[in-house]
């Protein structure tokens, strides 16, 4: 399905249901905030180094057919 939409796979999602190598090292998001077009977050490092972040948003969050768009 992701290939058909030309979408990328999620990386190191700590909530994924299958086992990932070093899953326990993924950072933990502590707070999020949005002000206008700006988004901010704080996180706790658990050993993994953050080298890139991608922001996705949805217009119908929580819906069974929700669709996420890269920003």
N, C-alpha and C. Protein backbone atom coordinates (compact mmCIF):
# COMPACT_ATOMS: atom_id res chain seq x y z
N UNK A 1 0.82 -1.20 0.00
CA UNK A 1 0.00 0.00 0.00
C UNK A 1 0.86 1.26 0.00
N UNK A 2 1.91 1.29 0.82
CA UNK A 2 2.78 2.47 0.85
C UNK A 2 3.47 2.69 -0.49
N UNK A 3 3.88 1.60 -1.14
CA UNK A 3 4.53 1.74 -2.44
C UNK A 3 3.59 2.39 -3.46
N UNK A 4 2.32 1.98 -3.44
CA UNK A 4 1.34 2.52 -4.37
C UNK A 4 1.12 4.02 -4.19
N UNK A 5 1.32 4.49 -2.97
CA UNK A 5 1.15 5.91 -2.68
C UNK A 5 2.48 6.67 -2.74
N UNK A 6 3.54 5.94 -3.09
CA UNK A 6 4.90 6.51 -3.12
C UNK A 6 5.27 7.11 -1.76
N UNK A 7 4.87 6.42 -0.70
CA UNK A 7 5.14 6.87 0.66
C UNK A 7 6.33 6.12 1.23
N UNK A 8 6.99 6.71 2.20
CA UNK A 8 8.11 6.05 2.85
C UNK A 8 7.62 5.27 4.07
N UNK A 9 8.41 4.30 4.48
CA UNK A 9 8.09 3.53 5.67
C UNK A 9 8.49 4.32 6.91
N UNK A 10 7.77 4.14 8.03
CA UNK A 10 8.17 4.82 9.27
C UNK A 10 9.49 4.27 9.79
N UNK A 11 10.25 5.10 10.43
CA UNK A 11 11.55 4.70 10.96
C UNK A 11 11.53 4.68 12.47
N UNK A 12 11.93 3.60 13.07
CA UNK A 12 12.15 3.50 14.51
C UNK A 12 10.99 4.01 15.34
N UNK A 13 9.79 3.59 15.01
CA UNK A 13 8.61 3.94 15.78
C UNK A 13 8.57 3.05 17.02
N UNK A 14 8.72 3.62 18.21
CA UNK A 14 8.76 2.79 19.42
C UNK A 14 7.42 2.12 19.72
N UNK A 15 6.35 2.56 19.07
CA UNK A 15 5.03 1.98 19.30
C UNK A 15 4.67 0.89 18.30
N UNK A 16 5.59 0.57 17.41
CA UNK A 16 5.32 -0.46 16.40
C UNK A 16 5.10 -1.81 17.09
N UNK A 17 4.23 -2.65 16.53
CA UNK A 17 3.89 -3.90 17.21
C UNK A 17 4.91 -5.01 17.03
N UNK A 18 5.84 -4.88 16.10
CA UNK A 18 6.86 -5.91 15.95
C UNK A 18 8.19 -5.42 16.52
N UNK A 19 9.10 -6.34 16.72
CA UNK A 19 10.37 -6.03 17.37
C UNK A 19 11.31 -5.29 16.42
N UNK A 20 11.89 -4.22 16.89
CA UNK A 20 12.91 -3.47 16.16
C UNK A 20 14.22 -3.56 16.91
N UNK A 21 15.34 -3.63 16.19
CA UNK A 21 16.62 -3.61 16.90
C UNK A 21 16.80 -2.28 17.63
N UNK A 22 17.23 -2.35 18.86
CA UNK A 22 17.51 -1.17 19.70
C UNK A 22 16.28 -0.29 19.91
N UNK A 23 15.11 -0.89 19.92
CA UNK A 23 13.86 -0.17 20.10
C UNK A 23 13.85 0.66 21.39
N UNK A 24 14.48 0.15 22.42
CA UNK A 24 14.51 0.84 23.71
C UNK A 24 15.34 2.12 23.67
N UNK A 25 16.16 2.32 22.63
CA UNK A 25 17.01 3.50 22.52
C UNK A 25 16.32 4.68 21.84
N UNK A 26 15.14 4.45 21.27
CA UNK A 26 14.43 5.52 20.57
C UNK A 26 14.01 6.59 21.57
N UNK A 27 14.13 7.85 21.18
CA UNK A 27 13.80 8.95 22.08
C UNK A 27 12.32 8.92 22.47
N UNK A 28 11.98 9.60 23.56
CA UNK A 28 10.61 9.72 24.03
C UNK A 28 10.18 11.18 23.94
N UNK A 29 9.07 11.46 23.26
CA UNK A 29 8.56 12.82 23.17
C UNK A 29 7.92 13.18 24.50
N UNK A 30 8.33 14.31 25.07
CA UNK A 30 7.82 14.75 26.37
C UNK A 30 6.70 15.77 26.23
N UNK A 31 6.89 16.76 25.35
CA UNK A 31 5.88 17.80 25.15
C UNK A 31 5.81 18.18 23.68
N UNK A 32 4.64 18.64 23.26
CA UNK A 32 4.47 19.20 21.91
C UNK A 32 3.66 20.47 22.03
N UNK A 33 3.88 21.40 21.11
CA UNK A 33 3.13 22.65 21.10
C UNK A 33 3.08 23.17 19.68
N UNK A 34 2.00 23.83 19.34
CA UNK A 34 1.85 24.47 18.04
C UNK A 34 1.41 25.90 18.24
N UNK A 35 2.06 26.80 17.53
CA UNK A 35 1.68 28.21 17.56
C UNK A 35 1.72 28.70 16.12
N UNK A 36 0.55 28.89 15.53
CA UNK A 36 0.47 29.28 14.13
C UNK A 36 1.04 28.18 13.25
N UNK A 37 2.04 28.51 12.45
CA UNK A 37 2.67 27.54 11.55
C UNK A 37 3.91 26.90 12.15
N UNK A 38 4.17 27.16 13.43
CA UNK A 38 5.36 26.60 14.09
C UNK A 38 4.95 25.46 15.02
N UNK A 39 5.76 24.41 15.00
CA UNK A 39 5.56 23.27 15.89
C UNK A 39 6.84 23.07 16.67
N UNK A 40 6.69 22.77 17.96
CA UNK A 40 7.85 22.60 18.83
C UNK A 40 7.66 21.36 19.69
N UNK A 41 8.74 20.68 19.99
CA UNK A 41 8.65 19.54 20.89
C UNK A 41 9.90 19.44 21.73
N UNK A 42 9.75 18.80 22.86
CA UNK A 42 10.91 18.44 23.68
C UNK A 42 10.90 16.93 23.79
N UNK A 43 12.08 16.36 23.90
CA UNK A 43 12.19 14.92 23.97
C UNK A 43 13.27 14.49 24.93
N UNK A 44 13.17 13.26 25.38
CA UNK A 44 14.20 12.65 26.22
C UNK A 44 14.99 11.68 25.36
N UNK A 45 16.29 11.85 25.35
CA UNK A 45 17.14 10.92 24.62
C UNK A 45 17.28 9.62 25.40
N UNK A 46 17.17 8.52 24.71
CA UNK A 46 17.30 7.21 25.35
C UNK A 46 18.48 6.43 24.76
N UNK A 47 19.38 7.14 24.10
CA UNK A 47 20.57 6.51 23.54
C UNK A 47 20.70 6.70 22.05
N UNK A 48 19.59 6.77 21.33
CA UNK A 48 19.65 6.98 19.88
C UNK A 48 19.94 8.44 19.58
N UNK A 49 20.68 8.69 18.53
CA UNK A 49 21.00 10.04 18.11
C UNK A 49 19.95 10.51 17.10
N UNK A 50 19.38 11.68 17.30
CA UNK A 50 18.43 12.25 16.34
C UNK A 50 19.23 12.94 15.25
N UNK A 51 19.12 12.43 14.03
CA UNK A 51 19.85 13.01 12.91
C UNK A 51 18.93 13.67 11.90
N UNK A 52 17.63 13.35 11.98
CA UNK A 52 16.67 13.94 11.06
C UNK A 52 15.28 13.80 11.67
N UNK A 53 14.43 14.76 11.40
CA UNK A 53 13.04 14.69 11.85
C UNK A 53 12.13 15.04 10.69
N UNK A 54 11.04 14.33 10.58
CA UNK A 54 10.05 14.60 9.54
C UNK A 54 8.74 14.99 10.21
N UNK A 55 8.08 16.00 9.67
CA UNK A 55 6.80 16.46 10.20
C UNK A 55 5.69 16.05 9.25
N UNK A 56 4.68 15.37 9.79
CA UNK A 56 3.51 14.97 9.02
C UNK A 56 2.29 15.52 9.71
N UNK A 57 1.28 15.88 8.92
CA UNK A 57 0.03 16.35 9.50
C UNK A 57 -1.14 15.66 8.80
N UNK A 58 -2.30 15.67 9.46
CA UNK A 58 -3.50 15.08 8.91
C UNK A 58 -4.67 16.04 9.09
N UNK A 59 -5.61 15.96 8.18
CA UNK A 59 -6.81 16.79 8.26
C UNK A 59 -7.95 16.05 8.94
N UNK A 60 -7.81 14.73 9.10
CA UNK A 60 -8.88 13.92 9.69
C UNK A 60 -8.32 12.94 10.71
N UNK A 61 -7.53 13.44 11.66
CA UNK A 61 -6.92 12.60 12.68
C UNK A 61 -7.94 11.80 13.47
N UNK A 62 -7.63 10.54 13.70
CA UNK A 62 -8.51 9.67 14.45
C UNK A 62 -9.52 8.92 13.59
N UNK A 63 -9.70 9.35 12.35
CA UNK A 63 -10.63 8.66 11.45
C UNK A 63 -10.01 7.34 10.98
N UNK A 64 -10.82 6.31 10.73
CA UNK A 64 -10.27 5.03 10.28
C UNK A 64 -9.47 5.16 8.97
N UNK A 65 -9.81 6.14 8.14
CA UNK A 65 -9.11 6.31 6.87
C UNK A 65 -8.21 7.54 6.87
N UNK A 66 -7.69 7.90 8.05
CA UNK A 66 -6.87 9.11 8.13
C UNK A 66 -5.67 9.02 7.19
N UNK A 67 -5.33 10.13 6.62
CA UNK A 67 -4.20 10.22 5.69
C UNK A 67 -3.24 11.28 6.19
N UNK A 68 -1.97 10.96 6.19
CA UNK A 68 -0.93 11.86 6.71
C UNK A 68 -0.12 12.41 5.55
N UNK A 69 0.22 13.70 5.64
CA UNK A 69 0.96 14.39 4.58
C UNK A 69 2.25 14.97 5.12
N UNK A 70 3.36 14.80 4.40
CA UNK A 70 4.61 15.41 4.83
C UNK A 70 4.55 16.92 4.67
N UNK A 71 5.17 17.64 5.58
CA UNK A 71 5.17 19.10 5.52
C UNK A 71 6.53 19.62 5.16
